[in-house]
Amino acid sequence: MDTLTNIALIECDAAKTPYSLDTISTFNGFHLKKVLAKRTITERMAKEQYPQSEIVQSKQAIINDKSIELVIVSSPAKEDLPLVGEVLESGKSVRIV
């Protein structure tokens, strides 16, 4: 059995729709475990886009999860740079999209 890499998505963008990773939680060796919607993207919208992922309320839920190896940060603004730094300091890889 292949090993999956757990990832998390942090939605920083004020767009009207969530960043589109995929509509399934497992793809190409990755498992989208957690999603944090920070701004105007509502929890309901995140649940609709990523129904099999856990929708979390804080960055700590992602940072403190030792099983998550990669965090995708969608459209961060200047004020989100400390967040990116915290994720990196926790030992996780970060991809900014």
Protein backbone atom coordinates (compact mmCIF):
# COMPACT_ATOMS: atom_id res chain seq x y z
CA MET A 1 0.00 0.00 0.00
CA ASP A 2 1.32 3.44 -0.90
CA THR A 3 1.87 5.97 1.85
CA LEU A 4 -0.11 9.18 1.63
CA THR A 5 1.30 12.57 2.60
CA ASN A 6 -1.08 14.50 4.84
CA ILE A 7 -1.55 18.10 3.79
CA ALA A 8 -3.54 21.09 5.02
CA LEU A 9 -4.94 24.08 3.18
CA ILE A 10 -5.10 27.57 4.65
CA GLU A 11 -7.44 29.80 2.64
CA CYS A 12 -6.23 33.40 3.00
CA ASP A 13 -7.87 34.84 -0.10
CA ALA A 14 -10.95 37.03 0.09
CA ALA A 15 -12.27 35.42 -3.08
CA LYS A 16 -15.84 34.26 -3.33
CA THR A 17 -14.92 30.63 -3.96
CA PRO A 18 -12.38 28.36 -2.25
CA TYR A 19 -9.06 27.54 -3.89
CA SER A 20 -9.62 24.44 -6.00
CA LEU A 21 -7.20 21.70 -5.03
CA ASP A 22 -9.53 18.89 -5.91
CA THR A 23 -13.00 17.84 -4.92
CA ILE A 24 -11.77 14.64 -3.33
CA SER A 25 -9.67 14.40 -0.20
CA THR A 26 -7.08 11.94 -1.56
CA PHE A 27 -5.25 12.53 -4.84
CA ASN A 28 -1.80 11.89 -6.33
CA GLY A 29 -0.38 10.50 -3.09
CA PHE A 30 -1.71 13.38 -0.96
CA HIS A 31 -4.48 13.39 1.62
CA LEU A 32 -6.11 16.76 2.33
CA LYS A 33 -6.60 16.34 6.06
CA LYS A 34 -7.50 19.83 7.31
CA VAL A 35 -8.74 23.12 5.88
CA LEU A 36 -8.71 26.55 7.56
CA ALA A 37 -10.79 29.29 5.91
CA LYS A 38 -9.53 32.63 7.21
CA ARG A 39 -11.49 35.40 5.54
CA THR A 40 -14.69 35.59 3.55
CA ILE A 41 -14.74 31.95 2.56
CA THR A 42 -17.18 30.50 5.03
CA GLU A 43 -16.93 27.22 6.85
CA ARG A 44 -20.01 26.08 4.90
CA MET A 45 -18.28 26.82 1.58
CA ALA A 46 -15.16 24.97 2.72
CA LYS A 47 -17.25 21.95 3.76
CA GLU A 48 -18.92 21.92 0.36
CA GLN A 49 -15.59 22.12 -1.50
CA TYR A 50 -13.75 19.63 0.77
CA PRO A 51 -16.44 17.39 2.32
CA GLN A 52 -14.06 14.68 3.49
CA SER A 53 -11.56 17.04 5.13
CA GLU A 54 -11.73 18.42 8.65
CA ILE A 55 -12.58 22.14 8.68
CA VAL A 56 -10.65 23.77 11.52
CA GLN A 57 -11.07 27.10 13.27
CA SER A 58 -7.45 27.96 14.05
CA LYS A 59 -3.97 27.73 12.60
CA GLN A 60 -2.90 25.85 15.74
CA ALA A 61 -5.05 22.89 14.70
CA ILE A 62 -2.82 22.59 11.65
CA ILE A 63 0.50 23.61 13.20
CA ASN A 64 0.11 21.21 16.14
CA ASP A 65 -0.91 18.25 13.98
CA LYS A 66 2.31 16.25 13.66
CA SER A 67 0.87 14.10 10.87
CA ILE A 68 0.61 17.07 8.47
CA GLU A 69 3.76 17.46 6.39
CA LEU A 70 2.76 20.10 3.85
CA VAL A 71 0.64 23.23 4.21
CA ILE A 72 -0.72 24.99 1.15
CA VAL A 73 -1.35 28.69 1.78
CA SER A 74 -3.75 30.18 -0.74
CA SER A 75 -3.27 33.83 -1.73
CA PRO A 76 -1.72 35.21 1.44
CA ALA A 77 -1.66 38.96 1.99
CA LYS A 78 1.21 40.83 3.62
CA GLU A 79 -0.39 40.38 7.04
CA ASP A 80 -0.32 36.58 6.53
CA LEU A 81 3.49 36.40 6.39
CA PRO A 82 3.80 35.68 10.14
CA LEU A 83 1.43 32.75 9.63
CA VAL A 84 3.66 31.35 6.89
CA GLY A 85 6.65 31.76 9.21
CA GLU A 86 4.90 29.92 12.04
CA VAL A 87 4.09 27.01 9.76
CA LEU A 88 7.69 26.81 8.57
CA GLU A 89 9.00 27.01 12.14
CA SER A 90 6.77 24.06 13.06
CA GLY A 91 8.82 21.93 10.65
CA LYS A 92 6.23 21.66 7.91
CA SER A 93 6.80 22.44 4.26
CA VAL A 94 4.84 25.32 2.79
CA ARG A 95 3.57 25.91 -0.72
CA ILE A 96 2.14 29.35 -1.48
CA VAL A 97 -0.39 29.46 -4.33
